[in-house]
Amino acid sequence: MKSDRIRNWPKQERPRERLLAEGADRLTEAELLAIILRVGKGTFREGIPGQNASDFARTLLSEFRGLRGLDRAHTQE
């Protein structure tokens, strides 16, 4: 899966900028987690799949069924 770098997004759509402009209560769990993660997964080199922090956060939340599941996950997971 290839996704755009967050720095290429319009500023008003970036999670960190939205947090500063609108407050934490206006962001989704995935956006807040993306801010905490700061980095995605993989790389953005040509032909190599990668995920930005926002997409990676959504993947983690889906895989672990939310923040509660992520909190209960073992380090190895």
C-alpha atoms as a PDB file:
ATOM      1  CA  MET A   1       0.000   0.000   0.000  1.00  0.00           C
ATOM      2  CA  LYS A   2       1.398   3.377  -1.007  1.00  0.00           C
ATOM      3  CA  SER A   3       0.206   6.522   0.689  1.00  0.00           C
ATOM      4  CA  ASP A   4       1.123  10.181   0.440  1.00  0.00           C
ATOM      5  CA  ARG A   5       3.405  11.757   2.976  1.00  0.00           C
ATOM      6  CA  ILE A   6       1.474  13.872   5.434  1.00  0.00           C
ATOM      7  CA  ARG A   7       3.780  16.797   4.724  1.00  0.00           C
ATOM      8  CA  ASN A   8       2.339  16.824   1.178  1.00  0.00           C
ATOM      9  CA  TRP A   9      -1.235  17.238   2.500  1.00  0.00           C
ATOM     10  CA  PRO A  10      -2.853  20.668   2.701  1.00  0.00           C
ATOM     11  CA  LYS A  11      -1.939  22.176   6.086  1.00  0.00           C
ATOM     12  CA  GLN A  12      -5.560  22.340   7.252  1.00  0.00           C
ATOM     13  CA  GLU A  13      -5.861  18.533   6.821  1.00  0.00           C
ATOM     14  CA  ARG A  14      -2.709  17.494   8.692  1.00  0.00           C
ATOM     15  CA  PRO A  15      -3.395  15.934  12.118  1.00  0.00           C
ATOM     16  CA  ARG A  16      -0.917  18.050  14.101  1.00  0.00           C
ATOM     17  CA  GLU A  17      -2.103  21.304  12.527  1.00  0.00           C
ATOM     18  CA  ARG A  18      -5.743  20.329  13.089  1.00  0.00           C
ATOM     19  CA  LEU A  19      -4.945  19.591  16.746  1.00  0.00           C
ATOM     20  CA  LEU A  20      -3.490  23.065  17.195  1.00  0.00           C
ATOM     21  CA  ALA A  21      -6.273  24.809  15.269  1.00  0.00           C
ATOM     22  CA  GLU A  22      -9.339  22.844  16.417  1.00  0.00           C
ATOM     23  CA  GLY A  23      -8.400  20.992  19.618  1.00  0.00           C
ATOM     24  CA  ALA A  24      -8.113  17.315  20.486  1.00  0.00           C
ATOM     25  CA  ASP A  25     -11.865  16.754  20.790  1.00  0.00           C
ATOM     26  CA  ARG A  26     -12.263  17.432  17.046  1.00  0.00           C
ATOM     27  CA  LEU A  27      -9.779  14.738  15.965  1.00  0.00           C
ATOM     28  CA  THR A  28     -10.400  11.044  15.471  1.00  0.00           C
ATOM     29  CA  GLU A  29      -8.575   8.390  17.491  1.00  0.00           C
ATOM     30  CA  ALA A  30      -6.539   7.603  14.378  1.00  0.00           C
ATOM     31  CA  GLU A  31      -5.463  11.236  13.981  1.00  0.00           C
ATOM     32  CA  LEU A  32      -4.445  11.471  17.646  1.00  0.00           C
ATOM     33  CA  LEU A  33      -2.531   8.188  17.414  1.00  0.00           C
ATOM     34  CA  ALA A  34      -0.790   9.398  14.241  1.00  0.00           C
ATOM     35  CA  ILE A  35       0.448  12.432  16.158  1.00  0.00           C
ATOM     36  CA  ILE A  36       1.825  10.185  18.898  1.00  0.00           C
ATOM     37  CA  LEU A  37       3.428   7.773  16.425  1.00  0.00           C
ATOM     38  CA  ARG A  38       5.026  10.598  14.390  1.00  0.00           C
ATOM     39  CA  VAL A  39       6.229   8.116  11.743  1.00  0.00           C
ATOM     40  CA  GLY A  40       4.594   5.616   9.445  1.00  0.00           C
ATOM     41  CA  LYS A  41       5.610   2.162   8.354  1.00  0.00           C
ATOM     42  CA  GLY A  42       7.853   1.234   5.470  1.00  0.00           C
ATOM     43  CA  THR A  43       9.353   3.658   3.039  1.00  0.00           C
ATOM     44  CA  PHE A  44       8.350   6.072   0.354  1.00  0.00           C
ATOM     45  CA  ARG A  45      10.936   4.928  -2.174  1.00  0.00           C
ATOM     46  CA  GLU A  46       9.650   4.219  -5.642  1.00  0.00           C
ATOM     47  CA  GLY A  47       8.048   0.789  -5.932  1.00  0.00           C
ATOM     48  CA  ILE A  48       8.282  -0.037  -2.209  1.00  0.00           C
ATOM     49  CA  PRO A  49       5.070   0.002  -0.171  1.00  0.00           C
ATOM     50  CA  GLY A  50       4.786   2.375   2.760  1.00  0.00           C
ATOM     51  CA  GLN A  51       2.202   3.969   5.010  1.00  0.00           C
ATOM     52  CA  ASN A  52       2.210   7.434   6.461  1.00  0.00           C
ATOM     53  CA  ALA A  53       1.565   7.833  10.205  1.00  0.00           C
ATOM     54  CA  SER A  54      -2.143   8.478   9.671  1.00  0.00           C
ATOM     55  CA  ASP A  55      -2.701   5.345   7.567  1.00  0.00           C
ATOM     56  CA  PHE A  56      -0.522   3.298   9.933  1.00  0.00           C
ATOM     57  CA  ALA A  57      -2.580   4.499  12.914  1.00  0.00           C
ATOM     58  CA  ARG A  58      -5.824   3.442  11.177  1.00  0.00           C
ATOM     59  CA  THR A  59      -4.286   0.041  10.390  1.00  0.00           C
ATOM     60  CA  LEU A  60      -3.238  -0.470  14.021  1.00  0.00           C
ATOM     61  CA  LEU A  61      -6.642   0.544  15.367  1.00  0.00           C
ATOM     62  CA  SER A  62      -8.350  -1.815  12.962  1.00  0.00           C
ATOM     63  CA  GLU A  63      -5.978  -4.703  13.663  1.00  0.00           C
ATOM     64  CA  PHE A  64      -6.271  -4.359  17.450  1.00  0.00           C
ATOM     65  CA  ARG A  65      -9.938  -3.328  17.446  1.00  0.00           C
ATOM     66  CA  GLY A  66      -9.441   0.129  18.879  1.00  0.00           C
ATOM     67  CA  LEU A  67      -7.341   1.861  21.490  1.00  0.00           C
ATOM     68  CA  ARG A  68      -8.340  -0.586  24.223  1.00  0.00           C
ATOM     69  CA  GLY A  69      -7.073  -3.545  22.174  1.00  0.00           C
ATOM     70  CA  LEU A  70      -3.898  -1.690  21.295  1.00  0.00           C
ATOM     71  CA  ASP A  71      -3.342  -0.893  24.979  1.00  0.00           C
ATOM     72  CA  ARG A  72      -3.741  -4.581  25.887  1.00  0.00           C
ATOM     73  CA  ALA A  73      -1.456  -5.843  23.112  1.00  0.00           C
ATOM     74  CA  HIS A  74       1.877  -7.399  24.000  1.00  0.00           C
ATOM     75  CA  THR A  75       5.052  -5.652  22.933  1.00  0.00           C
ATOM     76  CA  GLN A  76       5.844  -8.437  20.450  1.00  0.00           C
ATOM     77  CA  GLU A  77       2.571  -7.783  18.626  1.00  0.00           C
END
